[in-house]
């Protein structure tokens, strides 16, 4: 199958590993955006992180900072 796609076996499996974290983070990212919109984008990453923890989501402060920096 890798020969048909003209990719190495290692490259194929590497591409699978890169997608998995993105799919796992989608729920967290949507929650971050929801919190930001709820509070009219007045919350910084510390408040967003605290709100995520109040909602029972496990998160790291860097995830909130990275997402808010992307806006």
C-alpha atoms as a PDB file:
ATOM      1  CA  UNK A   1       0.000   0.000   0.000  1.00  0.00           C
ATOM      2  CA  UNK A   2       2.882   2.355   0.780  1.00  0.00           C
ATOM      3  CA  UNK A   3       4.293   1.630  -2.669  1.00  0.00           C
ATOM      4  CA  UNK A   4       1.042   2.713  -4.316  1.00  0.00           C
ATOM      5  CA  UNK A   5       1.040   5.983  -2.389  1.00  0.00           C
ATOM      6  CA  UNK A   6       4.786   6.377  -2.987  1.00  0.00           C
ATOM      7  CA  UNK A   7       5.591   6.988   0.662  1.00  0.00           C
ATOM      8  CA  UNK A   8       7.951   5.187   2.981  1.00  0.00           C
ATOM      9  CA  UNK A   9       6.516   2.969   5.678  1.00  0.00           C
ATOM     10  CA  UNK A  10       8.071   5.196   8.356  1.00  0.00           C
ATOM     11  CA  UNK A  11       6.559   8.301   6.762  1.00  0.00           C
ATOM     12  CA  UNK A  12       3.114   6.701   6.681  1.00  0.00           C
ATOM     13  CA  UNK A  13       3.166   5.810  10.371  1.00  0.00           C
ATOM     14  CA  UNK A  14       4.615   9.209  11.288  1.00  0.00           C
ATOM     15  CA  UNK A  15       1.694  10.925   9.556  1.00  0.00           C
ATOM     16  CA  UNK A  16      -0.756   8.833  11.597  1.00  0.00           C
ATOM     17  CA  UNK A  17       0.907   9.854  14.853  1.00  0.00           C
ATOM     18  CA  UNK A  18       0.811  13.550  13.957  1.00  0.00           C
ATOM     19  CA  UNK A  19      -2.955  13.570  13.430  1.00  0.00           C
ATOM     20  CA  UNK A  20      -3.919  11.838  16.667  1.00  0.00           C
ATOM     21  CA  UNK A  21      -3.088  14.695  19.083  1.00  0.00           C
ATOM     22  CA  UNK A  22      -4.950  17.216  16.929  1.00  0.00           C
ATOM     23  CA  UNK A  23      -8.127  15.149  17.095  1.00  0.00           C
ATOM     24  CA  UNK A  24      -7.760  14.710  20.863  1.00  0.00           C
ATOM     25  CA  UNK A  25      -7.313  18.448  21.384  1.00  0.00           C
ATOM     26  CA  UNK A  26     -10.381  19.474  19.393  1.00  0.00           C
ATOM     27  CA  UNK A  27     -12.657  19.204  22.433  1.00  0.00           C
ATOM     28  CA  UNK A  28     -10.313  21.352  24.501  1.00  0.00           C
ATOM     29  CA  UNK A  29      -9.934  23.913  21.728  1.00  0.00           C
ATOM     30  CA  UNK A  30     -13.676  24.235  21.259  1.00  0.00           C
ATOM     31  CA  UNK A  31     -14.138  24.651  25.032  1.00  0.00           C
ATOM     32  CA  UNK A  32     -11.462  27.383  25.059  1.00  0.00           C
ATOM     33  CA  UNK A  33     -13.228  29.210  22.262  1.00  0.00           C
ATOM     34  CA  UNK A  34     -16.598  28.821  23.989  1.00  0.00           C
ATOM     35  CA  UNK A  35     -15.229  30.307  27.222  1.00  0.00           C
ATOM     36  CA  UNK A  36     -13.583  33.183  25.338  1.00  0.00           C
ATOM     37  CA  UNK A  37     -16.837  34.037  23.550  1.00  0.00           C
ATOM     38  CA  UNK A  38     -18.891  33.710  26.755  1.00  0.00           C
ATOM     39  CA  UNK A  39     -16.681  36.282  28.441  1.00  0.00           C
ATOM     40  CA  UNK A  40     -16.342  38.525  25.400  1.00  0.00           C
ATOM     41  CA  UNK A  41     -12.662  37.612  24.992  1.00  0.00           C
ATOM     42  CA  UNK A  42     -11.779  39.339  28.254  1.00  0.00           C
ATOM     43  CA  UNK A  43     -10.368  36.188  29.830  1.00  0.00           C
ATOM     44  CA  UNK A  44      -6.651  35.506  29.615  1.00  0.00           C
ATOM     45  CA  UNK A  45      -5.070  32.089  29.591  1.00  0.00           C
ATOM     46  CA  UNK A  46      -5.007  31.847  33.396  1.00  0.00           C
ATOM     47  CA  UNK A  47      -8.765  32.414  33.742  1.00  0.00           C
ATOM     48  CA  UNK A  48      -9.503  30.132  30.810  1.00  0.00           C
ATOM     49  CA  UNK A  49      -7.373  27.400  32.375  1.00  0.00           C
ATOM     50  CA  UNK A  50      -9.162  27.822  35.709  1.00  0.00           C
ATOM     51  CA  UNK A  51     -12.559  27.684  33.976  1.00  0.00           C
ATOM     52  CA  UNK A  52     -11.594  24.519  32.100  1.00  0.00           C
ATOM     53  CA  UNK A  53     -10.583  22.903  35.381  1.00  0.00           C
ATOM     54  CA  UNK A  54     -13.895  23.981  36.964  1.00  0.00           C
ATOM     55  CA  UNK A  55     -15.658  22.240  34.102  1.00  0.00           C
ATOM     56  CA  UNK A  56     -13.689  19.081  34.852  1.00  0.00           C
ATOM     57  CA  UNK A  57     -11.375  19.187  31.871  1.00  0.00           C
ATOM     58  CA  UNK A  58      -7.723  18.341  32.264  1.00  0.00           C
ATOM     59  CA  UNK A  59      -5.577  20.999  30.643  1.00  0.00           C
ATOM     60  CA  UNK A  60      -2.217  22.692  30.714  1.00  0.00           C
ATOM     61  CA  UNK A  61      -1.793  26.473  30.835  1.00  0.00           C
ATOM     62  CA  UNK A  62       0.331  26.327  27.665  1.00  0.00           C
ATOM     63  CA  UNK A  63      -2.611  24.914  25.700  1.00  0.00           C
ATOM     64  CA  UNK A  64      -4.735  27.948  26.483  1.00  0.00           C
ATOM     65  CA  UNK A  65      -1.893  30.334  25.745  1.00  0.00           C
ATOM     66  CA  UNK A  66      -1.088  28.677  22.448  1.00  0.00           C
ATOM     67  CA  UNK A  67      -4.705  28.759  21.339  1.00  0.00           C
ATOM     68  CA  UNK A  68      -5.281  32.375  22.318  1.00  0.00           C
ATOM     69  CA  UNK A  69      -2.033  33.414  20.603  1.00  0.00           C
ATOM     70  CA  UNK A  70      -3.280  31.861  17.361  1.00  0.00           C
ATOM     71  CA  UNK A  71      -6.179  34.329  17.184  1.00  0.00           C
END
